[in-house]
Amino acid sequence: MAIVVNIDVMLAKRKMSVGELARRVGITAANVSVLKNGRAKAIRFSTLNELCRVLECQPGDILSWVDENDGG
């Protein structure tokens, strides 16, 4: 199972910095970086809700699943 986090794509579309997103969501820039780089083990629904609110997107715009066994 591979969950891909597309926060960097959403930040680019919104022309927003990691620092601004962190401030507006209420988490640290370090935690945004952990999410952005795919190193997070979990995310709270409340954090996901705030990310979607600030980025004006759906959870599926931020998270996607890729089959690691697909070979492609």
C-alpha atoms as a PDB file:
ATOM      1  CA  MET A   1       0.000   0.000   0.000  1.00  0.00           C
ATOM      2  CA  ALA A   2       1.357   3.398  -0.940  1.00  0.00           C
ATOM      3  CA  ILE A   3      -0.508   6.534  -0.010  1.00  0.00           C
ATOM      4  CA  VAL A   4       0.826   9.497  -1.973  1.00  0.00           C
ATOM      5  CA  VAL A   5       0.502  12.969  -0.456  1.00  0.00           C
ATOM      6  CA  ASN A   6       0.079  15.758  -3.000  1.00  0.00           C
ATOM      7  CA  ILE A   7       0.340  18.785  -0.710  1.00  0.00           C
ATOM      8  CA  ASP A   8       3.198  20.174  -2.810  1.00  0.00           C
ATOM      9  CA  VAL A   9       0.951  20.137  -5.889  1.00  0.00           C
ATOM     10  CA  MET A  10      -1.828  21.934  -4.029  1.00  0.00           C
ATOM     11  CA  LEU A  11       0.618  24.490  -2.616  1.00  0.00           C
ATOM     12  CA  ALA A  12       1.901  25.236  -6.111  1.00  0.00           C
ATOM     13  CA  LYS A  13      -1.641  25.598  -7.477  1.00  0.00           C
ATOM     14  CA  ARG A  14      -2.522  27.994  -4.649  1.00  0.00           C
ATOM     15  CA  LYS A  15       0.844  29.808  -4.816  1.00  0.00           C
ATOM     16  CA  MET A  16       1.204  29.255  -1.071  1.00  0.00           C
ATOM     17  CA  SER A  17       4.309  28.552   1.004  1.00  0.00           C
ATOM     18  CA  VAL A  18       4.720  25.748   3.526  1.00  0.00           C
ATOM     19  CA  GLY A  19       4.997  28.382   6.262  1.00  0.00           C
ATOM     20  CA  GLU A  20       1.765  30.085   5.291  1.00  0.00           C
ATOM     21  CA  LEU A  21      -0.087  26.764   5.082  1.00  0.00           C
ATOM     22  CA  ALA A  22       1.252  25.735   8.496  1.00  0.00           C
ATOM     23  CA  ARG A  23       0.207  29.034  10.059  1.00  0.00           C
ATOM     24  CA  ARG A  24      -3.285  28.938   8.563  1.00  0.00           C
ATOM     25  CA  VAL A  25      -3.848  25.259   9.452  1.00  0.00           C
ATOM     26  CA  GLY A  26      -2.396  25.601  12.957  1.00  0.00           C
ATOM     27  CA  ILE A  27       0.439  23.076  12.720  1.00  0.00           C
ATOM     28  CA  THR A  28       4.192  23.493  12.519  1.00  0.00           C
ATOM     29  CA  ALA A  29       6.029  23.911   9.230  1.00  0.00           C
ATOM     30  CA  ALA A  30       8.001  20.795  10.198  1.00  0.00           C
ATOM     31  CA  ASN A  31       4.766  18.784  10.377  1.00  0.00           C
ATOM     32  CA  VAL A  32       3.658  20.110   6.979  1.00  0.00           C
ATOM     33  CA  SER A  33       7.036  18.995   5.602  1.00  0.00           C
ATOM     34  CA  VAL A  34       6.600  15.519   7.129  1.00  0.00           C
ATOM     35  CA  LEU A  35       3.212  15.249   5.415  1.00  0.00           C
ATOM     36  CA  LYS A  36       4.469  16.756   2.165  1.00  0.00           C
ATOM     37  CA  ASN A  37       7.428  14.389   1.936  1.00  0.00           C
ATOM     38  CA  GLY A  38       5.325  11.289   2.637  1.00  0.00           C
ATOM     39  CA  ARG A  39       7.008  10.462   5.942  1.00  0.00           C
ATOM     40  CA  ALA A  40       3.853  10.739   8.070  1.00  0.00           C
ATOM     41  CA  LYS A  41       2.441   7.550   9.580  1.00  0.00           C
ATOM     42  CA  ALA A  42      -0.987   9.096  10.217  1.00  0.00           C
ATOM     43  CA  ILE A  43      -3.020  12.269   9.897  1.00  0.00           C
ATOM     44  CA  ARG A  44      -5.843  13.454  12.126  1.00  0.00           C
ATOM     45  CA  PHE A  45      -9.157  14.061  10.442  1.00  0.00           C
ATOM     46  CA  SER A  46      -9.209  17.503  12.047  1.00  0.00           C
ATOM     47  CA  THR A  47      -5.869  18.322  10.373  1.00  0.00           C
ATOM     48  CA  LEU A  48      -7.074  16.934   7.043  1.00  0.00           C
ATOM     49  CA  ASN A  49     -10.222  19.032   7.417  1.00  0.00           C
ATOM     50  CA  GLU A  50      -8.183  22.194   7.990  1.00  0.00           C
ATOM     51  CA  LEU A  51      -5.856  21.413   5.084  1.00  0.00           C
ATOM     52  CA  CYS A  52      -8.882  21.025   2.804  1.00  0.00           C
ATOM     53  CA  ARG A  53     -10.455  24.221   4.143  1.00  0.00           C
ATOM     54  CA  VAL A  54      -7.298  26.299   3.667  1.00  0.00           C
ATOM     55  CA  LEU A  55      -6.400  24.785   0.284  1.00  0.00           C
ATOM     56  CA  GLU A  56     -10.054  24.804  -0.848  1.00  0.00           C
ATOM     57  CA  CYS A  57      -9.902  21.214  -2.026  1.00  0.00           C
ATOM     58  CA  GLN A  58     -11.193  17.714  -1.361  1.00  0.00           C
ATOM     59  CA  PRO A  59      -9.257  15.032   0.594  1.00  0.00           C
ATOM     60  CA  GLY A  60      -8.734  13.172  -2.699  1.00  0.00           C
ATOM     61  CA  ASP A  61      -6.881  16.201  -4.046  1.00  0.00           C
ATOM     62  CA  ILE A  62      -4.338  15.768  -1.249  1.00  0.00           C
ATOM     63  CA  LEU A  63      -4.206  11.984  -0.814  1.00  0.00           C
ATOM     64  CA  SER A  64      -4.137   9.222  -3.404  1.00  0.00           C
ATOM     65  CA  TRP A  65      -3.426   5.511  -3.343  1.00  0.00           C
ATOM     66  CA  VAL A  66      -0.974   3.815  -5.681  1.00  0.00           C
ATOM     67  CA  ASP A  67      -0.686   0.037  -6.012  1.00  0.00           C
ATOM     68  CA  GLU A  68       2.950  -0.781  -5.278  1.00  0.00           C
ATOM     69  CA  ASN A  69       2.478  -4.203  -6.907  1.00  0.00           C
ATOM     70  CA  ASP A  70       1.399  -2.703 -10.229  1.00  0.00           C
ATOM     71  CA  GLY A  71       4.970  -2.691 -11.526  1.00  0.00           C
ATOM     72  CA  GLY A  72       4.490   0.652 -13.214  1.00  0.00           C
END
